[in-house]
Structures are given as C-alpha cells and as structure tokens.
Amino acid sequence: MCNGLKTTSRGVERTTFALLMAVMAVAEVAFVFGLIARLSWQACALVVLVATTLAAGAVFTVVEMQRLAKEGLKAGRMRGA
C-alpha cells in the first residue's frame, strides 16, 4: 500500500492526510470528553478506542470508495477503447 501512496497524485495524498487529521480530531474530542465526564482511565481509554475505530472505519470506507470509483473509470475507458 505504501507504494500505491507514493505513485498517487498530490490531491489524493492531501485528501488522505485530511481524513487522517479528522480521525485524530475525533480521538482528541473523545479523550477530552472522557476527562470532562470524569471517567476512569479505563473508561476514557475505551471511549477513545471506540471513537477512533469508528472514525478510522469511516475514513477507510471513503478512501476505498474513491479508489474503486477511480478503477471503475479506468475499466470503463479500457472497454470503450
């Protein structure tokens, strides 16, 4: 996958970075929420883990859908040629 990232255009790298930053923001908000709610460190860790996992799953879905759409466009061009 690293090789795929190296060969992609700058726009895709920026989009992936922006999505990664969104995941980090979700984790930070979950951590702050855990501290404000005065949860135990175990409960706070669980809240952060669950929020990060959900955000990462959403990011993965968006990135994969973009990749599949791009492959579909390439396949459509190949069939038409």
PDB file of N, CA and C in Angstrom:
ATOM      1  N   MET A   1       0.817  -1.185   0.000  1.00  0.00           N
ATOM      2  CA  MET A   1       0.000   0.000   0.000  1.00  0.00           C
ATOM      3  C   MET A   1       0.866   1.256   0.000  1.00  0.00           C
ATOM      4  N   CYS A   2       2.049   1.180   0.624  1.00  0.00           N
ATOM      5  CA  CYS A   2       2.935   2.346   0.641  1.00  0.00           C
ATOM      6  C   CYS A   2       3.353   2.718  -0.773  1.00  0.00           C
ATOM      7  N   ASN A   3       3.622   1.718  -1.606  1.00  0.00           N
ATOM      8  CA  ASN A   3       4.000   2.022  -2.983  1.00  0.00           C
ATOM      9  C   ASN A   3       2.862   2.707  -3.719  1.00  0.00           C
ATOM     10  N   GLY A   4       1.641   2.306  -3.433  1.00  0.00           N
ATOM     11  CA  GLY A   4       0.484   2.937  -4.055  1.00  0.00           C
ATOM     12  C   GLY A   4       0.367   4.402  -3.657  1.00  0.00           C
ATOM     13  N   LEU A   5       0.688   4.693  -2.398  1.00  0.00           N
ATOM     14  CA  LEU A   5       0.620   6.078  -1.961  1.00  0.00           C
ATOM     15  C   LEU A   5       1.709   6.916  -2.606  1.00  0.00           C
ATOM     16  N   LYS A   6       2.860   6.313  -2.856  1.00  0.00           N
ATOM     17  CA  LYS A   6       3.959   7.060  -3.465  1.00  0.00           C
ATOM     18  C   LYS A   6       3.654   7.437  -4.911  1.00  0.00           C
ATOM     19  N   THR A   7       2.880   6.617  -5.589  1.00  0.00           N
ATOM     20  CA  THR A   7       2.635   6.865  -7.007  1.00  0.00           C
ATOM     21  C   THR A   7       1.349   7.637  -7.264  1.00  0.00           C
ATOM     22  N   THR A   8       0.610   7.982  -6.209  1.00  0.00           N
ATOM     23  CA  THR A   8      -0.647   8.690  -6.416  1.00  0.00           C
ATOM     24  C   THR A   8      -0.395  10.172  -6.609  1.00  0.00           C
ATOM     25  N   SER A   9      -1.423  10.854  -7.059  1.00  0.00           N
ATOM     26  CA  SER A   9      -1.307  12.295  -7.267  1.00  0.00           C
ATOM     27  C   SER A   9      -1.330  13.018  -5.928  1.00  0.00           C
ATOM     28  N   ARG A  10      -0.940  14.275  -5.959  1.00  0.00           N
ATOM     29  CA  ARG A  10      -0.887  15.079  -4.733  1.00  0.00           C
ATOM     30  C   ARG A  10      -2.278  15.257  -4.115  1.00  0.00           C
ATOM     31  N   GLY A  11      -3.295  15.365  -4.922  1.00  0.00           N
ATOM     32  CA  GLY A  11      -4.648  15.562  -4.403  1.00  0.00           C
ATOM     33  C   GLY A  11      -5.102  14.419  -3.529  1.00  0.00           C
ATOM     34  N   VAL A  12      -4.794  13.207  -3.921  1.00  0.00           N
ATOM     35  CA  VAL A  12      -5.184  12.031  -3.139  1.00  0.00           C
ATOM     36  C   VAL A  12      -4.428  12.002  -1.827  1.00  0.00           C
ATOM     37  N   GLU A  13      -3.134  12.354  -1.855  1.00  0.00           N
ATOM     38  CA  GLU A  13      -2.347  12.373  -0.622  1.00  0.00           C
ATOM     39  C   GLU A  13      -2.894  13.412   0.347  1.00  0.00           C
ATOM     40  N   ARG A  14      -3.284  14.582  -0.168  1.00  0.00           N
ATOM     41  CA  ARG A  14      -3.842  15.622   0.694  1.00  0.00           C
ATOM     42  C   ARG A  14      -5.182  15.179   1.267  1.00  0.00           C
ATOM     43  N   THR A  15      -5.990  14.508   0.469  1.00  0.00           N
ATOM     44  CA  THR A  15      -7.282  14.022   0.949  1.00  0.00           C
ATOM     45  C   THR A  15      -7.075  12.988   2.047  1.00  0.00           C
ATOM     46  N   THR A  16      -6.149  12.066   1.840  1.00  0.00           N
ATOM     47  CA  THR A  16      -5.865  11.049   2.847  1.00  0.00           C
ATOM     48  C   THR A  16      -5.350  11.695   4.127  1.00  0.00           C
ATOM     49  N   PHE A  17      -4.479  12.691   3.982  1.00  0.00           N
ATOM     50  CA  PHE A  17      -3.960  13.391   5.158  1.00  0.00           C
ATOM     51  C   PHE A  17      -5.086  14.109   5.896  1.00  0.00           C
ATOM     52  N   ALA A  18      -5.983  14.737   5.156  1.00  0.00           N
ATOM     53  CA  ALA A  18      -7.106  15.433   5.780  1.00  0.00           C
ATOM     54  C   ALA A  18      -8.005  14.452   6.526  1.00  0.00           C
ATOM     55  N   LEU A  19      -8.228  13.291   5.949  1.00  0.00           N
ATOM     56  CA  LEU A  19      -9.049  12.284   6.615  1.00  0.00           C
ATOM     57  C   LEU A  19      -8.354  11.746   7.864  1.00  0.00           C
ATOM     58  N   LEU A  20      -7.032  11.590   7.794  1.00  0.00           N
ATOM     59  CA  LEU A  20      -6.270  11.157   8.967  1.00  0.00           C
ATOM     60  C   LEU A  20      -6.362  12.196  10.076  1.00  0.00           C
ATOM     61  N   MET A  21      -6.307  13.457   9.702  1.00  0.00           N
ATOM     62  CA  MET A  21      -6.438  14.521  10.694  1.00  0.00           C
ATOM     63  C   MET A  21      -7.838  14.509  11.325  1.00  0.00           C
ATOM     64  N   ALA A  22      -8.844  14.155  10.544  1.00  0.00           N
ATOM     65  CA  ALA A  22     -10.201  14.046  11.083  1.00  0.00           C
ATOM     66  C   ALA A  22     -10.273  12.937  12.130  1.00  0.00           C
ATOM     67  N   VAL A  23      -9.611  11.816  11.864  1.00  0.00           N
ATOM     68  CA  VAL A  23      -9.583  10.720  12.839  1.00  0.00           C
ATOM     69  C   VAL A  23      -8.888  11.171  14.115  1.00  0.00           C
ATOM     70  N   MET A  24      -7.795  11.897  13.971  1.00  0.00           N
ATOM     71  CA  MET A  24      -7.073  12.384  15.151  1.00  0.00           C
ATOM     72  C   MET A  24      -7.938  13.362  15.950  1.00  0.00           C
ATOM     73  N   ALA A  25      -8.701  14.192  15.259  1.00  0.00           N
ATOM     74  CA  ALA A  25      -9.583  15.140  15.946  1.00  0.00           C
ATOM     75  C   ALA A  25     -10.670  14.402  16.718  1.00  0.00           C
ATOM     76  N   VAL A  26     -11.210  13.348  16.135  1.00  0.00           N
ATOM     77  CA  VAL A  26     -12.225  12.551  16.825  1.00  0.00           C
ATOM     78  C   VAL A  26     -11.640  11.927  18.091  1.00  0.00           C
ATOM     79  N   ALA A  27     -10.424  11.406  17.993  1.00  0.00           N
ATOM     80  CA  ALA A  27      -9.782  10.807  19.166  1.00  0.00           C
ATOM     81  C   ALA A  27      -9.549  11.856  20.248  1.00  0.00           C
ATOM     82  N   GLU A  28      -9.127  13.033  19.833  1.00  0.00           N
ATOM     83  CA  GLU A  28      -8.888  14.105  20.802  1.00  0.00           C
ATOM     84  C   GLU A  28     -10.176  14.527  21.493  1.00  0.00           C
ATOM     85  N   VAL A  29     -11.240  14.693  20.730  1.00  0.00           N
ATOM     86  CA  VAL A  29     -12.530  15.082  21.311  1.00  0.00           C
ATOM     87  C   VAL A  29     -13.020  14.004  22.269  1.00  0.00           C
ATOM     88  N   ALA A  30     -12.862  12.746  21.898  1.00  0.00           N
ATOM     89  CA  ALA A  30     -13.283  11.651  22.778  1.00  0.00           C
ATOM     90  C   ALA A  30     -12.468  11.655  24.073  1.00  0.00           C
ATOM     91  N   PHE A  31     -11.173  11.939  23.961  1.00  0.00           N
ATOM     92  CA  PHE A  31     -10.318  11.985  25.147  1.00  0.00           C
ATOM     93  C   PHE A  31     -10.742  13.125  26.073  1.00  0.00           C
ATOM     94  N   VAL A  32     -10.965  14.293  25.498  1.00  0.00           N
ATOM     95  CA  VAL A  32     -11.391  15.446  26.302  1.00  0.00           C
ATOM     96  C   VAL A  32     -12.747  15.161  26.942  1.00  0.00           C
ATOM     97  N   PHE A  33     -13.659  14.549  26.170  1.00  0.00           N
ATOM     98  CA  PHE A  33     -14.964  14.188  26.738  1.00  0.00           C
ATOM     99  C   PHE A  33     -14.778  13.253  27.930  1.00  0.00           C
ATOM    100  N   GLY A  34     -13.898  12.279  27.790  1.00  0.00           N
ATOM    101  CA  GLY A  34     -13.645  11.345  28.887  1.00  0.00           C
ATOM    102  C   GLY A  34     -13.111  12.042  30.122  1.00  0.00           C
ATOM    103  N   LEU A  35     -12.251  13.046  29.915  1.00  0.00           N
ATOM    104  CA  LEU A  35     -11.714  13.784  31.060  1.00  0.00           C
ATOM    105  C   LEU A  35     -12.782  14.660  31.709  1.00  0.00           C
ATOM    106  N   ILE A  36     -13.580  15.319  30.879  1.00  0.00           N
ATOM    107  CA  ILE A  36     -14.624  16.194  31.416  1.00  0.00           C
ATOM    108  C   ILE A  36     -15.675  15.379  32.169  1.00  0.00           C
ATOM    109  N   ALA A  37     -16.010  14.213  31.657  1.00  0.00           N
ATOM    110  CA  ALA A  37     -17.023  13.369  32.297  1.00  0.00           C
ATOM    111  C   ALA A  37     -16.469  12.645  33.528  1.00  0.00           C
ATOM    112  N   ARG A  38     -15.188  12.863  33.794  1.00  0.00           N
ATOM    113  CA  ARG A  38     -14.516  12.255  34.958  1.00  0.00           C
ATOM    114  C   ARG A  38     -14.641  10.733  34.951  1.00  0.00           C
ATOM    115  N   LEU A  39     -14.402  10.173  33.783  1.00  0.00           N
ATOM    116  CA  LEU A  39     -14.406   8.719  33.667  1.00  0.00           C
ATOM    117  C   LEU A  39     -13.093   8.165  34.216  1.00  0.00           C
ATOM    118  N   SER A  40     -13.116   6.912  34.598  1.00  0.00           N
ATOM    119  CA  SER A  40     -11.862   6.267  34.991  1.00  0.00           C
ATOM    120  C   SER A  40     -10.977   6.169  33.751  1.00  0.00           C
ATOM    121  N   TRP A  41      -9.688   5.920  33.956  1.00  0.00           N
ATOM    122  CA  TRP A  41      -8.791   5.876  32.799  1.00  0.00           C
ATOM    123  C   TRP A  41      -9.164   4.724  31.874  1.00  0.00           C
ATOM    124  N   GLN A  42      -9.709   3.633  32.420  1.00  0.00           N
ATOM    125  CA  GLN A  42     -10.127   2.517  31.581  1.00  0.00           C
ATOM    126  C   GLN A  42     -11.322   2.917  30.703  1.00  0.00           C
ATOM    127  N   ALA A  43     -12.292   3.580  31.293  1.00  0.00           N
ATOM    128  CA  ALA A  43     -13.459   4.010  30.535  1.00  0.00           C
ATOM    129  C   ALA A  43     -13.073   5.070  29.509  1.00  0.00           C
ATOM    130  N   CYS A  44     -12.186   5.978  29.898  1.00  0.00           N
ATOM    131  CA  CYS A  44     -11.717   7.006  28.971  1.00  0.00           C
ATOM    132  C   CYS A  44     -10.994   6.366  27.787  1.00  0.00           C
ATOM    133  N   ALA A  45     -10.144   5.387  28.070  1.00  0.00           N
ATOM    134  CA  ALA A  45      -9.426   4.680  27.001  1.00  0.00           C
ATOM    135  C   ALA A  45     -10.405   3.958  26.080  1.00  0.00           C
ATOM    136  N   LEU A  46     -11.443   3.387  26.660  1.00  0.00           N
ATOM    137  CA  LEU A  46     -12.450   2.688  25.853  1.00  0.00           C
ATOM    138  C   LEU A  46     -13.197   3.662  24.948  1.00  0.00           C
ATOM    139  N   VAL A  47     -13.564   4.828  25.476  1.00  0.00           N
ATOM    140  CA  VAL A  47     -14.259   5.835  24.676  1.00  0.00           C
ATOM    141  C   VAL A  47     -13.373   6.284  23.519  1.00  0.00           C
ATOM    142  N   VAL A  48     -12.094   6.546  23.805  1.00  0.00           N
ATOM    143  CA  VAL A  48     -11.163   6.965  22.760  1.00  0.00           C
ATOM    144  C   VAL A  48     -10.988   5.857  21.719  1.00  0.00           C
ATOM    145  N   LEU A  49     -10.828   4.625  22.156  1.00  0.00           N
ATOM    146  CA  LEU A  49     -10.644   3.498  21.237  1.00  0.00           C
ATOM    147  C   LEU A  49     -11.864   3.314  20.332  1.00  0.00           C
ATOM    148  N   VAL A  50     -13.051   3.359  20.913  1.00  0.00           N
ATOM    149  CA  VAL A  50     -14.266   3.173  20.122  1.00  0.00           C
ATOM    150  C   VAL A  50     -14.450   4.318  19.131  1.00  0.00           C
ATOM    151  N   ALA A  51     -14.259   5.545  19.579  1.00  0.00           N
ATOM    152  CA  ALA A  51     -14.431   6.699  18.689  1.00  0.00           C
ATOM    153  C   ALA A  51     -13.404   6.672  17.559  1.00  0.00           C
ATOM    154  N   THR A  52     -12.171   6.339  17.874  1.00  0.00           N
ATOM    155  CA  THR A  52     -11.124   6.270  16.857  1.00  0.00           C
ATOM    156  C   THR A  52     -11.403   5.153  15.864  1.00  0.00           C
ATOM    157  N   THR A  53     -11.854   4.022  16.356  1.00  0.00           N
ATOM    158  CA  THR A  53     -12.162   2.895  15.468  1.00  0.00           C
ATOM    159  C   THR A  53     -13.295   3.241  14.510  1.00  0.00           C
ATOM    160  N   LEU A  54     -14.336   3.865  15.019  1.00  0.00           N
ATOM    161  CA  LEU A  54     -15.454   4.265  14.156  1.00  0.00           C
ATOM    162  C   LEU A  54     -15.014   5.293  13.117  1.00  0.00           C
ATOM    163  N   ALA A  55     -14.217   6.277  13.533  1.00  0.00           N
ATOM    164  CA  ALA A  55     -13.741   7.297  12.594  1.00  0.00           C
ATOM    165  C   ALA A  55     -12.817   6.684  11.555  1.00  0.00           C
ATOM    166  N   ALA A  56     -11.922   5.790  11.981  1.00  0.00           N
ATOM    167  CA  ALA A  56     -10.999   5.146  11.037  1.00  0.00           C
ATOM    168  C   ALA A  56     -11.779   4.276  10.040  1.00  0.00           C
ATOM    169  N   GLY A  57     -12.824   3.613  10.503  1.00  0.00           N
ATOM    170  CA  GLY A  57     -13.652   2.829   9.592  1.00  0.00           C
ATOM    171  C   GLY A  57     -14.341   3.694   8.557  1.00  0.00           C
ATOM    172  N   ALA A  58     -14.811   4.859   8.983  1.00  0.00           N
ATOM    173  CA  ALA A  58     -15.444   5.784   8.039  1.00  0.00           C
ATOM    174  C   ALA A  58     -14.421   6.294   7.030  1.00  0.00           C
ATOM    175  N   VAL A  59     -13.230   6.626   7.496  1.00  0.00           N
ATOM    176  CA  VAL A  59     -12.165   7.097   6.592  1.00  0.00           C
ATOM    177  C   VAL A  59     -11.775   6.000   5.614  1.00  0.00           C
ATOM    178  N   PHE A  60     -11.617   4.789   6.106  1.00  0.00           N
ATOM    179  CA  PHE A  60     -11.265   3.665   5.236  1.00  0.00           C
ATOM    180  C   PHE A  60     -12.321   3.472   4.153  1.00  0.00           C
ATOM    181  N   THR A  61     -13.581   3.575   4.550  1.00  0.00           N
ATOM    182  CA  THR A  61     -14.672   3.410   3.583  1.00  0.00           C
ATOM    183  C   THR A  61     -14.616   4.479   2.498  1.00  0.00           C
ATOM    184  N   VAL A  62     -14.406   5.730   2.886  1.00  0.00           N
ATOM    185  CA  VAL A  62     -14.343   6.819   1.913  1.00  0.00           C
ATOM    186  C   VAL A  62     -13.162   6.632   0.969  1.00  0.00           C
ATOM    187  N   VAL A  63     -12.007   6.309   1.505  1.00  0.00           N
ATOM    188  CA  VAL A  63     -10.812   6.134   0.669  1.00  0.00           C
ATOM    189  C   VAL A  63     -10.983   4.962  -0.289  1.00  0.00           C
ATOM    190  N   GLU A  64     -11.534   3.863   0.183  1.00  0.00           N
ATOM    191  CA  GLU A  64     -11.736   2.696  -0.682  1.00  0.00           C
ATOM    192  C   GLU A  64     -12.776   2.974  -1.760  1.00  0.00           C
ATOM    193  N   MET A  65     -13.837   3.691  -1.419  1.00  0.00           N
ATOM    194  CA  MET A  65     -14.847   4.026  -2.422  1.00  0.00           C
ATOM    195  C   MET A  65     -14.248   4.921  -3.508  1.00  0.00           C
ATOM    196  N   GLN A  66     -13.381   5.861  -3.114  1.00  0.00           N
ATOM    197  CA  GLN A  66     -12.706   6.708  -4.097  1.00  0.00           C
ATOM    198  C   GLN A  66     -11.810   5.863  -4.998  1.00  0.00           C
ATOM    199  N   ARG A  67     -11.094   4.920  -4.396  1.00  0.00           N
ATOM    200  CA  ARG A  67     -10.196   4.067  -5.175  1.00  0.00           C
ATOM    201  C   ARG A  67     -10.984   3.188  -6.146  1.00  0.00           C
ATOM    202  N   LEU A  68     -12.077   2.617  -5.673  1.00  0.00           N
ATOM    203  CA  LEU A  68     -12.894   1.766  -6.527  1.00  0.00           C
ATOM    204  C   LEU A  68     -13.538   2.568  -7.656  1.00  0.00           C
ATOM    205  N   ALA A  69     -13.954   3.788  -7.361  1.00  0.00           N
ATOM    206  CA  ALA A  69     -14.539   4.635  -8.406  1.00  0.00           C
ATOM    207  C   ALA A  69     -13.502   4.950  -9.472  1.00  0.00           C
ATOM    208  N   LYS A  70     -12.272   5.211  -9.029  1.00  0.00           N
ATOM    209  CA  LYS A  70     -11.207   5.502  -9.975  1.00  0.00           C
ATOM    210  C   LYS A  70     -10.901   4.279 -10.838  1.00  0.00           C
ATOM    211  N   GLU A  71     -10.881   3.092 -10.235  1.00  0.00           N
ATOM    212  CA  GLU A  71     -10.658   1.868 -11.004  1.00  0.00           C
ATOM    213  C   GLU A  71     -11.804   1.621 -11.976  1.00  0.00           C
ATOM    214  N   GLY A  72     -13.030   1.939 -11.561  1.00  0.00           N
ATOM    215  CA  GLY A  72     -14.181   1.774 -12.442  1.00  0.00           C
ATOM    216  C   GLY A  72     -14.092   2.679 -13.650  1.00  0.00           C
ATOM    217  N   LEU A  73     -13.611   3.898 -13.450  1.00  0.00           N
ATOM    218  CA  LEU A  73     -13.430   4.815 -14.570  1.00  0.00           C
ATOM    219  C   LEU A  73     -12.370   4.298 -15.535  1.00  0.00           C
ATOM    220  N   LYS A  74     -11.284   3.768 -14.982  1.00  0.00           N
ATOM    221  CA  LYS A  74     -10.222   3.215 -15.832  1.00  0.00           C
ATOM    222  C   LYS A  74     -10.742   2.034 -16.631  1.00  0.00           C
ATOM    223  N   ALA A  75     -11.518   1.152 -15.972  1.00  0.00           N
ATOM    224  CA  ALA A  75     -12.055  -0.022 -16.668  1.00  0.00           C
ATOM    225  C   ALA A  75     -13.037   0.395 -17.763  1.00  0.00           C
ATOM    226  N   GLY A  76     -13.822   1.428 -17.504  1.00  0.00           N
ATOM    227  CA  GLY A  76     -14.763   1.926 -18.498  1.00  0.00           C
ATOM    228  C   GLY A  76     -14.063   2.494 -19.706  1.00  0.00           C
ATOM    229  N   ARG A  77     -12.948   3.169 -19.488  1.00  0.00           N
ATOM    230  CA  ARG A  77     -12.170   3.718 -20.604  1.00  0.00           C
ATOM    231  C   ARG A  77     -11.541   2.601 -21.430  1.00  0.00           C
ATOM    232  N   MET A  78     -11.102   1.536 -20.736  1.00  0.00           N
ATOM    233  CA  MET A  78     -10.462   0.430 -21.443  1.00  0.00           C
ATOM    234  C   MET A  78     -11.463  -0.315 -22.302  1.00  0.00           C
ATOM    235  N   ARG A  79     -12.692  -0.478 -21.805  1.00  0.00           N
ATOM    236  CA  ARG A  79     -13.713  -1.172 -22.577  1.00  0.00           C
ATOM    237  C   ARG A  79     -14.129  -0.366 -23.809  1.00  0.00           C
ATOM    238  N   GLY A  80     -14.174   0.959 -23.642  1.00  0.00           N
ATOM    239  CA  GLY A  80     -14.603   1.808 -24.739  1.00  0.00           C
ATOM    240  C   GLY A  80     -13.547   1.960 -25.830  1.00  0.00           C
ATOM    241  N   ALA A  81     -12.292   1.680 -25.506  1.00  0.00           N
ATOM    242  CA  ALA A  81     -11.212   1.864 -26.485  1.00  0.00           C
ATOM    243  C   ALA A  81     -11.140   0.768 -27.500  1.00  0.00           C
TER     244      ALA A  81
END
